[in-house]
Amino acid sequence: MYIADARLVERSALRLMLLDLNMEIAGEAGDWSTALAETPTSRTDMLMVDWELLPTAPSTALAELRKACLNELIILLLISPLEVRQQAAHSIGADVFISKADLPERVAELLRTAATKVTVIKH
């Protein structure tokens, strides 16, 4: 998993959760340009990107990321579970969305489910 989130505290919490789930962390970034530069060479199956880290044109940014990382599962972290943001996340190329408002148990469940999608895609 590659983590891209501007907030160090949130990246740290996500890192701990991923380690608890026995998931490897391929890298992390606190800004969009670093994430876009590092993810293609990070050798990861999943990318977790904070919605707020995306540039002003999220659909263009995710299209660029998708082009650089063709086979990776893109997980967007959203501030709220609003239906509009969920639909937007899917429409601009995200494979999975996770609300930061969800309880840690729910986030862990969604990450485990996302990991099974990667396993199915790879086989």
Protein backbone atom coordinates (compact mmCIF):
# COMPACT_ATOMS: atom_id res chain seq x y z
CA MET A 1 0.00 0.00 0.00
CA TYR A 2 1.16 3.51 -0.79
CA ILE A 3 -0.33 6.25 1.42
CA ALA A 4 -0.79 9.83 0.18
CA ASP A 5 -2.20 12.20 2.79
CA ALA A 6 -1.08 15.72 3.69
CA ARG A 7 -1.60 15.17 7.42
CA LEU A 8 1.27 13.35 9.11
CA VAL A 9 -0.96 12.29 12.02
CA GLU A 10 -3.44 10.66 9.65
CA ARG A 11 -0.67 8.95 7.65
CA SER A 12 0.74 7.60 10.91
CA ALA A 13 -2.65 6.26 12.01
CA LEU A 14 -3.20 4.65 8.62
CA ARG A 15 0.29 3.15 8.71
CA LEU A 16 -0.40 1.58 12.13
CA MET A 17 -3.73 0.21 10.92
CA LEU A 18 -2.13 -1.29 7.81
CA LEU A 19 0.60 -2.90 9.87
CA ASP A 20 -2.07 -4.35 12.21
CA LEU A 21 -3.72 -5.82 9.10
CA ASN A 22 -0.37 -7.33 8.02
CA MET A 23 -0.25 -5.13 4.92
CA GLU A 24 3.05 -3.86 3.61
CA ILE A 25 3.64 -0.15 3.19
CA ALA A 26 5.47 0.65 -0.03
CA GLY A 27 5.79 4.36 0.70
CA GLU A 28 4.00 7.51 1.62
CA ALA A 29 3.72 11.13 0.57
CA GLY A 30 2.43 14.33 2.08
CA ASP A 31 1.81 16.11 -1.21
CA TRP A 32 0.42 15.31 -4.64
CA SER A 33 3.58 15.83 -6.70
CA THR A 34 5.56 13.41 -4.51
CA ALA A 35 2.78 10.83 -4.64
CA LEU A 36 2.52 11.07 -8.42
CA ALA A 37 6.30 10.79 -8.82
CA GLU A 38 6.79 7.88 -6.41
CA THR A 39 3.76 5.63 -6.89
CA PRO A 40 4.71 4.21 -10.31
CA THR A 41 7.99 2.88 -8.89
CA SER A 42 6.71 1.90 -5.44
CA ARG A 43 5.84 -1.68 -6.47
CA THR A 44 2.52 -1.65 -4.69
CA ASP A 45 -0.89 -3.07 -5.48
CA MET A 46 -2.95 -0.39 -3.74
CA LEU A 47 -2.76 3.38 -3.50
CA MET A 48 -4.59 5.25 -0.74
CA VAL A 49 -5.06 8.92 -1.63
CA ASP A 50 -6.72 11.64 0.43
CA TRP A 51 -9.37 13.51 -1.60
CA GLU A 52 -8.07 16.81 -0.23
CA LEU A 53 -4.56 16.07 -1.52
CA LEU A 54 -5.81 16.05 -5.12
CA PRO A 55 -5.23 19.19 -7.19
CA THR A 56 -8.16 21.42 -8.10
CA ALA A 57 -9.15 19.12 -10.98
CA PRO A 58 -9.51 15.74 -9.21
CA SER A 59 -10.65 13.88 -12.33
CA THR A 60 -7.57 14.99 -14.26
CA ALA A 61 -5.29 14.18 -11.33
CA LEU A 62 -6.68 10.67 -10.91
CA ALA A 63 -6.58 10.08 -14.66
CA GLU A 64 -2.89 10.97 -14.57
CA LEU A 65 -2.35 8.64 -11.61
CA ARG A 66 -4.29 5.85 -13.32
CA LYS A 67 -2.16 6.26 -16.46
CA ALA A 68 1.03 5.98 -14.39
CA CYS A 69 -0.29 3.05 -12.30
CA LEU A 70 -2.41 0.94 -14.62
CA ASN A 71 -2.99 -2.10 -12.41
CA GLU A 72 -3.09 -0.63 -8.94
CA LEU A 73 -6.28 -0.34 -6.94
CA ILE A 74 -6.95 3.31 -6.10
CA ILE A 75 -8.60 3.99 -2.76
CA LEU A 76 -9.81 7.53 -2.10
CA LEU A 77 -10.10 8.80 1.46
CA LEU A 78 -13.03 11.16 1.86
CA ILE A 79 -13.80 13.56 4.69
CA SER A 80 -17.45 12.58 4.92
CA PRO A 81 -19.68 9.75 3.78
CA LEU A 82 -21.71 12.07 1.57
CA GLU A 83 -23.32 10.28 -1.37
CA VAL A 84 -22.19 13.02 -3.77
CA ARG A 85 -18.52 12.54 -2.89
CA GLN A 86 -18.85 8.77 -3.16
CA GLN A 87 -20.30 9.07 -6.64
CA ALA A 88 -17.65 11.61 -7.60
CA ALA A 89 -14.88 9.33 -6.34
CA HIS A 90 -16.11 6.47 -8.50
CA SER A 91 -16.78 8.64 -11.52
CA ILE A 92 -13.26 10.06 -11.57
CA GLY A 93 -11.53 6.70 -11.45
CA ALA A 94 -11.31 5.54 -7.85
CA ASP A 95 -11.89 1.84 -7.24
CA VAL A 96 -12.79 2.12 -3.56
CA PHE A 97 -13.69 4.97 -1.26
CA ILE A 98 -13.27 5.12 2.50
CA SER A 99 -14.70 7.82 4.71
CA LYS A 100 -12.38 9.25 7.33
CA ALA A 101 -15.50 9.56 9.47
CA ASP A 102 -15.88 5.78 9.64
CA LEU A 103 -14.92 3.89 12.76
CA PRO A 104 -11.49 2.19 12.61
CA GLU A 105 -13.16 -1.24 12.48
CA ARG A 106 -15.10 -0.21 9.37
CA VAL A 107 -11.98 1.22 7.72
CA ALA A 108 -10.12 -2.04 8.46
CA GLU A 109 -13.00 -4.05 6.97
CA LEU A 110 -12.97 -1.94 3.80
CA LEU A 111 -9.19 -2.31 3.48
CA ARG A 112 -9.41 -6.09 3.88
CA THR A 113 -12.10 -6.20 1.20
CA ALA A 114 -9.98 -4.03 -1.11
CA ALA A 115 -7.03 -6.39 -0.58
CA THR A 116 -9.14 -9.34 -1.75
CA LYS A 117 -9.95 -7.44 -4.94
CA VAL A 118 -6.23 -7.09 -5.62
CA THR A 119 -5.71 -10.82 -5.06
CA VAL A 120 -8.54 -11.63 -7.49
CA ILE A 121 -7.19 -9.21 -10.12
CA LYS A 122 -3.63 -10.57 -9.87
CA HIS A 123 -4.70 -14.22 -10.32
